[in-house]
mmCIF file of all heavy atoms, coordinates in Angstrom:
data_MODEL
# 
_entry.id   MODEL 
# 
loop_
_atom_site.group_PDB 
_atom_site.id 
_atom_site.type_symbol 
_atom_site.label_atom_id 
_atom_site.label_alt_id 
_atom_site.label_comp_id 
_atom_site.label_asym_id 
_atom_site.label_entity_id 
_atom_site.label_seq_id 
_atom_site.pdbx_PDB_ins_code 
_atom_site.Cartn_x 
_atom_site.Cartn_y 
_atom_site.Cartn_z 
_atom_site.occupancy 
_atom_site.B_iso_or_equiv 
_atom_site.pdbx_formal_charge 
_atom_site.auth_seq_id 
_atom_site.auth_comp_id 
_atom_site.auth_asym_id 
_atom_site.auth_atom_id 
_atom_site.pdbx_PDB_model_num 
ATOM 1   N N   . GLY A 1 1  ? -2.835  11.788  -3.602  1.00 0.00 ? 1  GLY A N   1 
ATOM 2   C CA  . GLY A 1 1  ? -2.925  12.386  -4.917  1.00 0.00 ? 1  GLY A CA  1 
ATOM 3   C C   . GLY A 1 1  ? -2.185  11.546  -5.931  1.00 0.00 ? 1  GLY A C   1 
ATOM 4   O O   . GLY A 1 1  ? -1.612  10.498  -5.610  1.00 0.00 ? 1  GLY A O   1 
ATOM 5   N N   . SER A 1 2  ? -2.193  12.016  -7.181  1.00 0.00 ? 2  SER A N   1 
ATOM 6   C CA  . SER A 1 2  ? -1.443  11.372  -8.270  1.00 0.00 ? 2  SER A CA  1 
ATOM 7   C C   . SER A 1 2  ? -1.804  9.908   -8.464  1.00 0.00 ? 2  SER A C   1 
ATOM 8   O O   . SER A 1 2  ? -0.970  9.100   -8.875  1.00 0.00 ? 2  SER A O   1 
ATOM 9   C CB  . SER A 1 2  ? 0.072   11.500  -8.024  1.00 0.00 ? 2  SER A CB  1 
ATOM 10  O OG  . SER A 1 2  ? 0.446   12.851  -8.050  1.00 0.00 ? 2  SER A OG  1 
ATOM 11  N N   . SER A 1 3  ? -3.038  9.539   -8.142  1.00 0.00 ? 3  SER A N   1 
ATOM 12  C CA  . SER A 1 3  ? -3.543  8.172   -8.330  1.00 0.00 ? 3  SER A CA  1 
ATOM 13  C C   . SER A 1 3  ? -2.793  7.143   -7.491  1.00 0.00 ? 3  SER A C   1 
ATOM 14  O O   . SER A 1 3  ? -2.849  5.943   -7.782  1.00 0.00 ? 3  SER A O   1 
ATOM 15  C CB  . SER A 1 3  ? -3.497  7.765   -9.810  1.00 0.00 ? 3  SER A CB  1 
ATOM 16  O OG  . SER A 1 3  ? -4.264  8.652   -10.595 1.00 0.00 ? 3  SER A OG  1 
ATOM 17  N N   . VAL A 1 4  ? -2.090  7.586   -6.447  1.00 0.00 ? 4  VAL A N   1 
ATOM 18  C CA  . VAL A 1 4  ? -1.372  6.669   -5.571  1.00 0.00 ? 4  VAL A CA  1 
ATOM 19  C C   . VAL A 1 4  ? -2.374  5.836   -4.779  1.00 0.00 ? 4  VAL A C   1 
ATOM 20  O O   . VAL A 1 4  ? -3.297  6.361   -4.161  1.00 0.00 ? 4  VAL A O   1 
ATOM 21  C CB  . VAL A 1 4  ? -0.447  7.437   -4.606  1.00 0.00 ? 4  VAL A CB  1 
ATOM 22  C CG1 . VAL A 1 4  ? 0.160   6.489   -3.573  1.00 0.00 ? 4  VAL A CG1 1 
ATOM 23  C CG2 . VAL A 1 4  ? 0.649   8.154   -5.380  1.00 0.00 ? 4  VAL A CG2 1 
ATOM 24  N N   . GLY A 1 5  ? -2.211  4.508   -4.808  1.00 0.00 ? 5  GLY A N   1 
ATOM 25  C CA  . GLY A 1 5  ? -3.086  3.615   -4.060  1.00 0.00 ? 5  GLY A CA  1 
ATOM 26  C C   . GLY A 1 5  ? -4.447  3.400   -4.675  1.00 0.00 ? 5  GLY A C   1 
ATOM 27  O O   . GLY A 1 5  ? -5.326  2.794   -4.057  1.00 0.00 ? 5  GLY A O   1 
ATOM 28  N N   . VAL A 1 6  ? -4.652  3.870   -5.893  1.00 0.00 ? 6  VAL A N   1 
ATOM 29  C CA  . VAL A 1 6  ? -5.955  3.779   -6.555  1.00 0.00 ? 6  VAL A CA  1 
ATOM 30  C C   . VAL A 1 6  ? -6.028  2.523   -7.412  1.00 0.00 ? 6  VAL A C   1 
ATOM 31  O O   . VAL A 1 6  ? -5.079  2.189   -8.128  1.00 0.00 ? 6  VAL A O   1 
ATOM 32  C CB  . VAL A 1 6  ? -6.214  5.023   -7.424  1.00 0.00 ? 6  VAL A CB  1 
ATOM 33  C CG1 . VAL A 1 6  ? -7.544  4.892   -8.171  1.00 0.00 ? 6  VAL A CG1 1 
ATOM 34  C CG2 . VAL A 1 6  ? -6.226  6.276   -6.567  1.00 0.00 ? 6  VAL A CG2 1 
ATOM 35  N N   . SER A 1 7  ? -7.165  1.819   -7.339  1.00 0.00 ? 7  SER A N   1 
ATOM 36  C CA  . SER A 1 7  ? -7.377  0.603   -8.133  1.00 0.00 ? 7  SER A CA  1 
ATOM 37  C C   . SER A 1 7  ? -8.738  0.657   -8.814  1.00 0.00 ? 7  SER A C   1 
ATOM 38  O O   . SER A 1 7  ? -9.695  1.204   -8.265  1.00 0.00 ? 7  SER A O   1 
ATOM 39  C CB  . SER A 1 7  ? -7.316  -0.644  -7.252  1.00 0.00 ? 7  SER A CB  1 
ATOM 40  O OG  . SER A 1 7  ? -6.104  -0.726  -6.535  1.00 0.00 ? 7  SER A OG  1 
ATOM 41  N N   . LYS A 1 8  ? -8.807  0.075   -9.995  1.00 0.00 ? 8  LYS A N   1 
ATOM 42  C CA  . LYS A 1 8  ? -10.070 -0.089  -10.708 1.00 0.00 ? 8  LYS A CA  1 
ATOM 43  C C   . LYS A 1 8  ? -10.366 -1.578  -10.751 1.00 0.00 ? 8  LYS A C   1 
ATOM 44  O O   . LYS A 1 8  ? -9.559  -2.353  -11.278 1.00 0.00 ? 8  LYS A O   1 
ATOM 45  C CB  . LYS A 1 8  ? -9.967  0.492   -12.117 1.00 0.00 ? 8  LYS A CB  1 
ATOM 46  C CG  . LYS A 1 8  ? -11.258 0.440   -12.921 1.00 0.00 ? 8  LYS A CG  1 
ATOM 47  C CD  . LYS A 1 8  ? -11.049 1.067   -14.288 1.00 0.00 ? 8  LYS A CD  1 
ATOM 48  C CE  . LYS A 1 8  ? -12.337 1.075   -15.106 1.00 0.00 ? 8  LYS A CE  1 
ATOM 49  N NZ  . LYS A 1 8  ? -12.141 1.668   -16.455 1.00 0.00 ? 8  LYS A NZ  1 
ATOM 50  N N   . VAL A 1 9  ? -11.490 -2.000  -10.176 1.00 0.00 ? 9  VAL A N   1 
ATOM 51  C CA  . VAL A 1 9  ? -11.735 -3.432  -9.996  1.00 0.00 ? 9  VAL A CA  1 
ATOM 52  C C   . VAL A 1 9  ? -13.153 -3.820  -10.422 1.00 0.00 ? 9  VAL A C   1 
ATOM 53  O O   . VAL A 1 9  ? -14.074 -3.006  -10.424 1.00 0.00 ? 9  VAL A O   1 
ATOM 54  C CB  . VAL A 1 9  ? -11.516 -3.853  -8.522  1.00 0.00 ? 9  VAL A CB  1 
ATOM 55  C CG1 . VAL A 1 9  ? -10.110 -3.501  -8.064  1.00 0.00 ? 9  VAL A CG1 1 
ATOM 56  C CG2 . VAL A 1 9  ? -12.543 -3.202  -7.604  1.00 0.00 ? 9  VAL A CG2 1 
ATOM 57  N N   . SER A 1 10 ? -13.286 -5.099  -10.744 1.00 0.00 ? 10 SER A N   1 
ATOM 58  C CA  . SER A 1 10 ? -14.596 -5.660  -11.090 1.00 0.00 ? 10 SER A CA  1 
ATOM 59  C C   . SER A 1 10 ? -14.897 -6.940  -10.332 1.00 0.00 ? 10 SER A C   1 
ATOM 60  O O   . SER A 1 10 ? -16.059 -7.311  -10.177 1.00 0.00 ? 10 SER A O   1 
ATOM 61  C CB  . SER A 1 10 ? -14.681 -5.935  -12.600 1.00 0.00 ? 10 SER A CB  1 
ATOM 62  O OG  . SER A 1 10 ? -14.566 -4.756  -13.353 1.00 0.00 ? 10 SER A OG  1 
ATOM 63  N N   . SER A 1 11 ? -13.859 -7.638  -9.867  1.00 0.00 ? 11 SER A N   1 
ATOM 64  C CA  . SER A 1 11 ? -14.054 -8.928  -9.218  1.00 0.00 ? 11 SER A CA  1 
ATOM 65  C C   . SER A 1 11 ? -13.832 -8.831  -7.714  1.00 0.00 ? 11 SER A C   1 
ATOM 66  O O   . SER A 1 11 ? -13.177 -7.915  -7.220  1.00 0.00 ? 11 SER A O   1 
ATOM 67  C CB  . SER A 1 11 ? -13.077 -9.958  -9.789  1.00 0.00 ? 11 SER A CB  1 
ATOM 68  O OG  . SER A 1 11 ? -11.743 -9.650  -9.417  1.00 0.00 ? 11 SER A OG  1 
ATOM 69  N N   . LYS A 1 12 ? -14.381 -9.824  -6.974  1.00 0.00 ? 12 LYS A N   1 
ATOM 70  C CA  . LYS A 1 12 ? -14.230 -9.869  -5.522  1.00 0.00 ? 12 LYS A CA  1 
ATOM 71  C C   . LYS A 1 12 ? -12.759 -10.007 -5.146  1.00 0.00 ? 12 LYS A C   1 
ATOM 72  O O   . LYS A 1 12 ? -12.285 -9.367  -4.194  1.00 0.00 ? 12 LYS A O   1 
ATOM 73  C CB  . LYS A 1 12 ? -15.032 -11.065 -4.977  1.00 0.00 ? 12 LYS A CB  1 
ATOM 74  C CG  . LYS A 1 12 ? -14.883 -11.298 -3.473  1.00 0.00 ? 12 LYS A CG  1 
ATOM 75  C CD  . LYS A 1 12 ? -15.548 -10.200 -2.660  1.00 0.00 ? 12 LYS A CD  1 
ATOM 76  C CE  . LYS A 1 12 ? -15.746 -10.600 -1.197  1.00 0.00 ? 12 LYS A CE  1 
ATOM 77  N NZ  . LYS A 1 12 ? -14.488 -10.916 -0.489  1.00 0.00 ? 12 LYS A NZ  1 
ATOM 78  N N   . GLU A 1 13 ? -12.026 -10.814 -5.868  1.00 0.00 ? 13 GLU A N   1 
ATOM 79  C CA  . GLU A 1 13 ? -10.608 -11.023 -5.546  1.00 0.00 ? 13 GLU A CA  1 
ATOM 80  C C   . GLU A 1 13 ? -9.817  -9.729  -5.694  1.00 0.00 ? 13 GLU A C   1 
ATOM 81  O O   . GLU A 1 13 ? -9.040  -9.349  -4.807  1.00 0.00 ? 13 GLU A O   1 
ATOM 82  C CB  . GLU A 1 13 ? -10.022 -12.102 -6.466  1.00 0.00 ? 13 GLU A CB  1 
ATOM 83  C CG  . GLU A 1 13 ? -8.557  -12.401 -6.193  1.00 0.00 ? 13 GLU A CG  1 
ATOM 84  C CD  . GLU A 1 13 ? -7.986  -13.444 -7.134  1.00 0.00 ? 13 GLU A CD  1 
ATOM 85  O OE1 . GLU A 1 13 ? -8.712  -13.864 -8.070  1.00 0.00 ? 13 GLU A OE1 1 
ATOM 86  O OE2 . GLU A 1 13 ? -6.825  -13.824 -6.946  1.00 0.00 ? 13 GLU A OE2 1 
ATOM 87  N N   . ASP A 1 14 ? -10.009 -9.039  -6.810  1.00 0.00 ? 14 ASP A N   1 
ATOM 88  C CA  . ASP A 1 14 ? -9.313  -7.779  -7.028  1.00 0.00 ? 14 ASP A CA  1 
ATOM 89  C C   . ASP A 1 14 ? -9.773  -6.715  -6.033  1.00 0.00 ? 14 ASP A C   1 
ATOM 90  O O   . ASP A 1 14 ? -8.986  -5.872  -5.599  1.00 0.00 ? 14 ASP A O   1 
ATOM 91  C CB  . ASP A 1 14 ? -9.547  -7.281  -8.454  1.00 0.00 ? 14 ASP A CB  1 
ATOM 92  C CG  . ASP A 1 14 ? -8.836  -8.134  -9.494  1.00 0.00 ? 14 ASP A CG  1 
ATOM 93  O OD1 . ASP A 1 14 ? -7.899  -8.871  -9.116  1.00 0.00 ? 14 ASP A OD1 1 
ATOM 94  O OD2 . ASP A 1 14 ? -9.232  -8.083  -10.674 1.00 0.00 ? 14 ASP A OD2 1 
ATOM 95  N N   . PHE A 1 15 ? -11.055 -6.774  -5.678  1.00 0.00 ? 15 PHE A N   1 
ATOM 96  C CA  . PHE A 1 15 ? -11.624 -5.826  -4.725  1.00 0.00 ? 15 PHE A CA  1 
ATOM 97  C C   . PHE A 1 15 ? -10.925 -5.938  -3.377  1.00 0.00 ? 15 PHE A C   1 
ATOM 98  O O   . PHE A 1 15 ? -10.520 -4.934  -2.785  1.00 0.00 ? 15 PHE A O   1 
ATOM 99  C CB  . PHE A 1 15 ? -13.127 -6.112  -4.585  1.00 0.00 ? 15 PHE A CB  1 
ATOM 100 C CG  . PHE A 1 15 ? -13.834 -5.255  -3.574  1.00 0.00 ? 15 PHE A CG  1 
ATOM 101 C CD1 . PHE A 1 15 ? -14.306 -3.998  -3.907  1.00 0.00 ? 15 PHE A CD1 1 
ATOM 102 C CD2 . PHE A 1 15 ? -14.054 -5.719  -2.279  1.00 0.00 ? 15 PHE A CD2 1 
ATOM 103 C CE1 . PHE A 1 15 ? -14.972 -3.213  -2.974  1.00 0.00 ? 15 PHE A CE1 1 
ATOM 104 C CE2 . PHE A 1 15 ? -14.717 -4.951  -1.345  1.00 0.00 ? 15 PHE A CE2 1 
ATOM 105 C CZ  . PHE A 1 15 ? -15.175 -3.690  -1.690  1.00 0.00 ? 15 PHE A CZ  1 
ATOM 106 N N   . ASP A 1 16 ? -10.776 -7.137  -2.869  1.00 0.00 ? 16 ASP A N   1 
ATOM 107 C CA  . ASP A 1 16 ? -10.144 -7.341  -1.559  1.00 0.00 ? 16 ASP A CA  1 
ATOM 108 C C   . ASP A 1 16 ? -8.701  -6.839  -1.564  1.00 0.00 ? 16 ASP A C   1 
ATOM 109 O O   . ASP A 1 16 ? -8.244  -6.203  -0.603  1.00 0.00 ? 16 ASP A O   1 
ATOM 110 C CB  . ASP A 1 16 ? -10.182 -8.822  -1.171  1.00 0.00 ? 16 ASP A CB  1 
ATOM 111 C CG  . ASP A 1 16 ? -11.594 -9.311  -0.873  1.00 0.00 ? 16 ASP A CG  1 
ATOM 112 O OD1 . ASP A 1 16 ? -12.457 -8.457  -0.577  1.00 0.00 ? 16 ASP A OD1 1 
ATOM 113 O OD2 . ASP A 1 16 ? -11.825 -10.538 -0.940  1.00 0.00 ? 16 ASP A OD2 1 
ATOM 114 N N   . LYS A 1 17 ? -7.983  -7.110  -2.641  1.00 0.00 ? 17 LYS A N   1 
ATOM 115 C CA  . LYS A 1 17 ? -6.601  -6.630  -2.751  1.00 0.00 ? 17 LYS A CA  1 
ATOM 116 C C   . LYS A 1 17 ? -6.567  -5.101  -2.796  1.00 0.00 ? 17 LYS A C   1 
ATOM 117 O O   . LYS A 1 17 ? -5.697  -4.467  -2.181  1.00 0.00 ? 17 LYS A O   1 
ATOM 118 C CB  . LYS A 1 17 ? -5.944  -7.200  -4.013  1.00 0.00 ? 17 LYS A CB  1 
ATOM 119 C CG  . LYS A 1 17 ? -5.701  -8.705  -3.978  1.00 0.00 ? 17 LYS A CG  1 
ATOM 120 C CD  . LYS A 1 17 ? -5.102  -9.172  -5.294  1.00 0.00 ? 17 LYS A CD  1 
ATOM 121 C CE  . LYS A 1 17 ? -4.896  -10.685 -5.313  1.00 0.00 ? 17 LYS A CE  1 
ATOM 122 N NZ  . LYS A 1 17 ? -4.397  -11.146 -6.646  1.00 0.00 ? 17 LYS A NZ  1 
ATOM 123 N N   . ALA A 1 18 ? -7.514  -4.523  -3.510  1.00 0.00 ? 18 ALA A N   1 
ATOM 124 C CA  . ALA A 1 18 ? -7.548  -3.071  -3.652  1.00 0.00 ? 18 ALA A CA  1 
ATOM 125 C C   . ALA A 1 18 ? -7.869  -2.382  -2.331  1.00 0.00 ? 18 ALA A C   1 
ATOM 126 O O   . ALA A 1 18 ? -7.320  -1.308  -2.033  1.00 0.00 ? 18 ALA A O   1 
ATOM 127 C CB  . ALA A 1 18 ? -8.569  -2.669  -4.717  1.00 0.00 ? 18 ALA A CB  1 
ATOM 128 N N   . ILE A 1 19 ? -8.749  -2.987  -1.553  1.00 0.00 ? 19 ILE A N   1 
ATOM 129 C CA  . ILE A 1 19 ? -9.070  -2.447  -0.228  1.00 0.00 ? 19 ILE A CA  1 
ATOM 130 C C   . ILE A 1 19 ? -7.816  -2.412  0.642   1.00 0.00 ? 19 ILE A C   1 
ATOM 131 O O   . ILE A 1 19 ? -7.488  -1.410  1.291   1.00 0.00 ? 19 ILE A O   1 
ATOM 132 C CB  . ILE A 1 19 ? -10.174 -3.272  0.455   1.00 0.00 ? 19 ILE A CB  1 
ATOM 133 C CG1 . ILE A 1 19 ? -11.501 -3.137  -0.291  1.00 0.00 ? 19 ILE A CG1 1 
ATOM 134 C CG2 . ILE A 1 19 ? -10.330 -2.857  1.923   1.00 0.00 ? 19 ILE A CG2 1 
ATOM 135 C CD1 . ILE A 1 19 ? -12.134 -1.771  -0.226  1.00 0.00 ? 19 ILE A CD1 1 
ATOM 136 N N   . ASP A 1 20 ? -7.077  -3.502  0.643   1.00 0.00 ? 20 ASP A N   1 
ATOM 137 C CA  . ASP A 1 20 ? -5.838  -3.565  1.427   1.00 0.00 ? 20 ASP A CA  1 
ATOM 138 C C   . ASP A 1 20 ? -4.832  -2.527  0.937   1.00 0.00 ? 20 ASP A C   1 
ATOM 139 O O   . ASP A 1 20 ? -4.159  -1.863  1.744   1.00 0.00 ? 20 ASP A O   1 
ATOM 140 C CB  . ASP A 1 20 ? -5.225  -4.962  1.343   1.00 0.00 ? 20 ASP A CB  1 
ATOM 141 C CG  . ASP A 1 20 ? -6.031  -6.010  2.103   1.00 0.00 ? 20 ASP A CG  1 
ATOM 142 O OD1 . ASP A 1 20 ? -6.785  -5.620  3.023   1.00 0.00 ? 20 ASP A OD1 1 
ATOM 143 O OD2 . ASP A 1 20 ? -5.912  -7.212  1.775   1.00 0.00 ? 20 ASP A OD2 1 
ATOM 144 N N   . THR A 1 21 ? -4.724  -2.377  -0.366  1.00 0.00 ? 21 THR A N   1 
ATOM 145 C CA  . THR A 1 21 ? -3.786  -1.397  -0.928  1.00 0.00 ? 21 THR A CA  1 
ATOM 146 C C   . THR A 1 21 ? -4.157  0.021   -0.508  1.00 0.00 ? 21 THR A C   1 
ATOM 147 O O   . THR A 1 21 ? -3.294  0.802   -0.081  1.00 0.00 ? 21 THR A O   1 
ATOM 148 C CB  . THR A 1 21 ? -3.768  -1.492  -2.459  1.00 0.00 ? 21 THR A CB  1 
ATOM 149 O OG1 . THR A 1 21 ? -3.304  -2.788  -2.851  1.00 0.00 ? 21 THR A OG1 1 
ATOM 150 C CG2 . THR A 1 21 ? -2.865  -0.423  -3.064  1.00 0.00 ? 21 THR A CG2 1 
ATOM 151 N N   . ALA A 1 22 ? -5.423  0.369   -0.634  1.00 0.00 ? 22 ALA A N   1 
ATOM 152 C CA  . ALA A 1 22 ? -5.856  1.730   -0.294  1.00 0.00 ? 22 ALA A CA  1 
ATOM 153 C C   . ALA A 1 22 ? -5.607  2.044   1.172   1.00 0.00 ? 22 ALA A C   1 
ATOM 154 O O   . ALA A 1 22 ? -5.175  3.158   1.519   1.00 0.00 ? 22 ALA A O   1 
ATOM 155 C CB  . ALA A 1 22 ? -7.336  1.900   -0.635  1.00 0.00 ? 22 ALA A CB  1 
ATOM 156 N N   . PHE A 1 23 ? -5.841  1.073   2.057   1.00 0.00 ? 23 PHE A N   1 
ATOM 157 C CA  . PHE A 1 23 ? -5.638  1.297   3.488   1.00 0.00 ? 23 PHE A CA  1 
ATOM 158 C C   . PHE A 1 23 ? -4.151  1.381   3.856   1.00 0.00 ? 23 PHE A C   1 
ATOM 159 O O   . PHE A 1 23 ? -3.816  1.774   4.971   1.00 0.00 ? 23 PHE A O   1 
ATOM 160 C CB  . PHE A 1 23 ? -6.322  0.207   4.307   1.00 0.00 ? 23 PHE A CB  1 
ATOM 161 C CG  . PHE A 1 23 ? -7.756  0.511   4.642   1.00 0.00 ? 23 PHE A CG  1 
ATOM 162 C CD1 . PHE A 1 23 ? -8.766  -0.388  4.292   1.00 0.00 ? 23 PHE A CD1 1 
ATOM 163 C CD2 . PHE A 1 23 ? -8.104  1.676   5.300   1.00 0.00 ? 23 PHE A CD2 1 
ATOM 164 C CE1 . PHE A 1 23 ? -10.102 -0.121  4.604   1.00 0.00 ? 23 PHE A CE1 1 
ATOM 165 C CE2 . PHE A 1 23 ? -9.429  1.958   5.610   1.00 0.00 ? 23 PHE A CE2 1 
ATOM 166 C CZ  . PHE A 1 23 ? -10.427 1.063   5.262   1.00 0.00 ? 23 PHE A CZ  1 
ATOM 167 N N   . GLN A 1 24 ? -3.268  1.039   2.943   1.00 0.00 ? 24 GLN A N   1 
ATOM 168 C CA  . GLN A 1 24 ? -1.848  1.243   3.202   1.00 0.00 ? 24 GLN A CA  1 
ATOM 169 C C   . GLN A 1 24 ? -1.485  2.722   3.177   1.00 0.00 ? 24 GLN A C   1 
ATOM 170 O O   . GLN A 1 24 ? -0.473  3.134   3.754   1.00 0.00 ? 24 GLN A O   1 
ATOM 171 C CB  . GLN A 1 24 ? -1.005  0.498   2.162   1.00 0.00 ? 24 GLN A CB  1 
ATOM 172 C CG  . GLN A 1 24 ? -1.046  -1.017  2.290   1.00 0.00 ? 24 GLN A CG  1 
ATOM 173 C CD  . GLN A 1 24 ? -0.241  -1.693  1.193   1.00 0.00 ? 24 GLN A CD  1 
ATOM 174 O OE1 . GLN A 1 24 ? 0.619   -1.074  0.555   1.00 0.00 ? 24 GLN A OE1 1 
ATOM 175 N NE2 . GLN A 1 24 ? -0.521  -2.967  0.952   1.00 0.00 ? 24 GLN A NE2 1 
ATOM 176 N N   . TYR A 1 25 ? -2.326  3.531   2.524   1.00 0.00 ? 25 TYR A N   1 
ATOM 177 C CA  . TYR A 1 25 ? -2.004  4.947   2.339   1.00 0.00 ? 25 TYR A CA  1 
ATOM 178 C C   . TYR A 1 25 ? -2.871  5.889   3.165   1.00 0.00 ? 25 TYR A C   1 
ATOM 179 O O   . TYR A 1 25 ? -2.557  7.078   3.263   1.00 0.00 ? 25 TYR A O   1 
ATOM 180 C CB  . TYR A 1 25 ? -2.135  5.315   0.850   1.00 0.00 ? 25 TYR A CB  1 
ATOM 181 C CG  . TYR A 1 25 ? -1.115  4.624   -0.008  1.00 0.00 ? 25 TYR A CG  1 
ATOM 182 C CD1 . TYR A 1 25 ? -1.424  3.450   -0.701  1.00 0.00 ? 25 TYR A CD1 1 
ATOM 183 C CD2 . TYR A 1 25 ? 0.173   5.124   -0.127  1.00 0.00 ? 25 TYR A CD2 1 
ATOM 184 C CE1 . TYR A 1 25 ? -0.474  2.816   -1.494  1.00 0.00 ? 25 TYR A CE1 1 
ATOM 185 C CE2 . TYR A 1 25 ? 1.127   4.494   -0.915  1.00 0.00 ? 25 TYR A CE2 1 
ATOM 186 C CZ  . TYR A 1 25 ? 0.803   3.339   -1.591  1.00 0.00 ? 25 TYR A CZ  1 
ATOM 187 O OH  . TYR A 1 25 ? 1.739   2.703   -2.364  1.00 0.00 ? 25 TYR A OH  1 
ATOM 188 N N   . ASP A 1 26 ? -3.944  5.401   3.741   1.00 0.00 ? 26 ASP A N   1 
ATOM 189 C CA  . ASP A 1 26 ? -4.812  6.287   4.517   1.00 0.00 ? 26 ASP A CA  1 
ATOM 190 C C   . ASP A 1 26 ? -5.684  5.470   5.457   1.00 0.00 ? 26 ASP A C   1 
ATOM 191 O O   . ASP A 1 26 ? -5.864  4.255   5.260   1.00 0.00 ? 26 ASP A O   1 
ATOM 192 C CB  . ASP A 1 26 ? -5.700  7.117   3.577   1.00 0.00 ? 26 ASP A CB  1 
ATOM 193 C CG  . ASP A 1 26 ? -6.317  8.328   4.267   1.00 0.00 ? 26 ASP A CG  1 
ATOM 194 O OD1 . ASP A 1 26 ? -5.869  8.669   5.377   1.00 0.00 ? 26 ASP A OD1 1 
ATOM 195 O OD2 . ASP A 1 26 ? -7.244  8.923   3.699   1.00 0.00 ? 26 ASP A OD2 1 
ATOM 196 N N   . HIS A 1 27 ? -6.218  6.131   6.473   1.00 0.00 ? 27 HIS A N   1 
ATOM 197 C CA  . HIS A 1 27 ? -7.132  5.484   7.421   1.00 0.00 ? 27 HIS A CA  1 
ATOM 198 C C   . HIS A 1 27 ? -8.581  5.549   6.945   1.00 0.00 ? 27 HIS A C   1 
ATOM 199 O O   . HIS A 1 27 ? -9.469  5.016   7.603   1.00 0.00 ? 27 HIS A O   1 
ATOM 200 C CB  . HIS A 1 27 ? -7.023  6.137   8.794   1.00 0.00 ? 27 HIS A CB  1 
ATOM 201 C CG  . HIS A 1 27 ? -5.671  6.025   9.413   1.00 0.00 ? 27 HIS A CG  1 
ATOM 202 N ND1 . HIS A 1 27 ? -5.112  4.814   9.760   1.00 0.00 ? 27 HIS A ND1 1 
ATOM 203 C CD2 . HIS A 1 27 ? -4.745  6.971   9.721   1.00 0.00 ? 27 HIS A CD2 1 
ATOM 204 C CE1 . HIS A 1 27 ? -3.909  5.013   10.281  1.00 0.00 ? 27 HIS A CE1 1 
ATOM 205 N NE2 . HIS A 1 27 ? -3.658  6.313   10.258  1.00 0.00 ? 27 HIS A NE2 1 
# 
């Protein structure tokens, strides 16, 4: 909740980082 681990992305580079970030908080 509270936008924890949430990313807004447009590029492949930012996308890959965001995927890793989100998986830090959930399976």
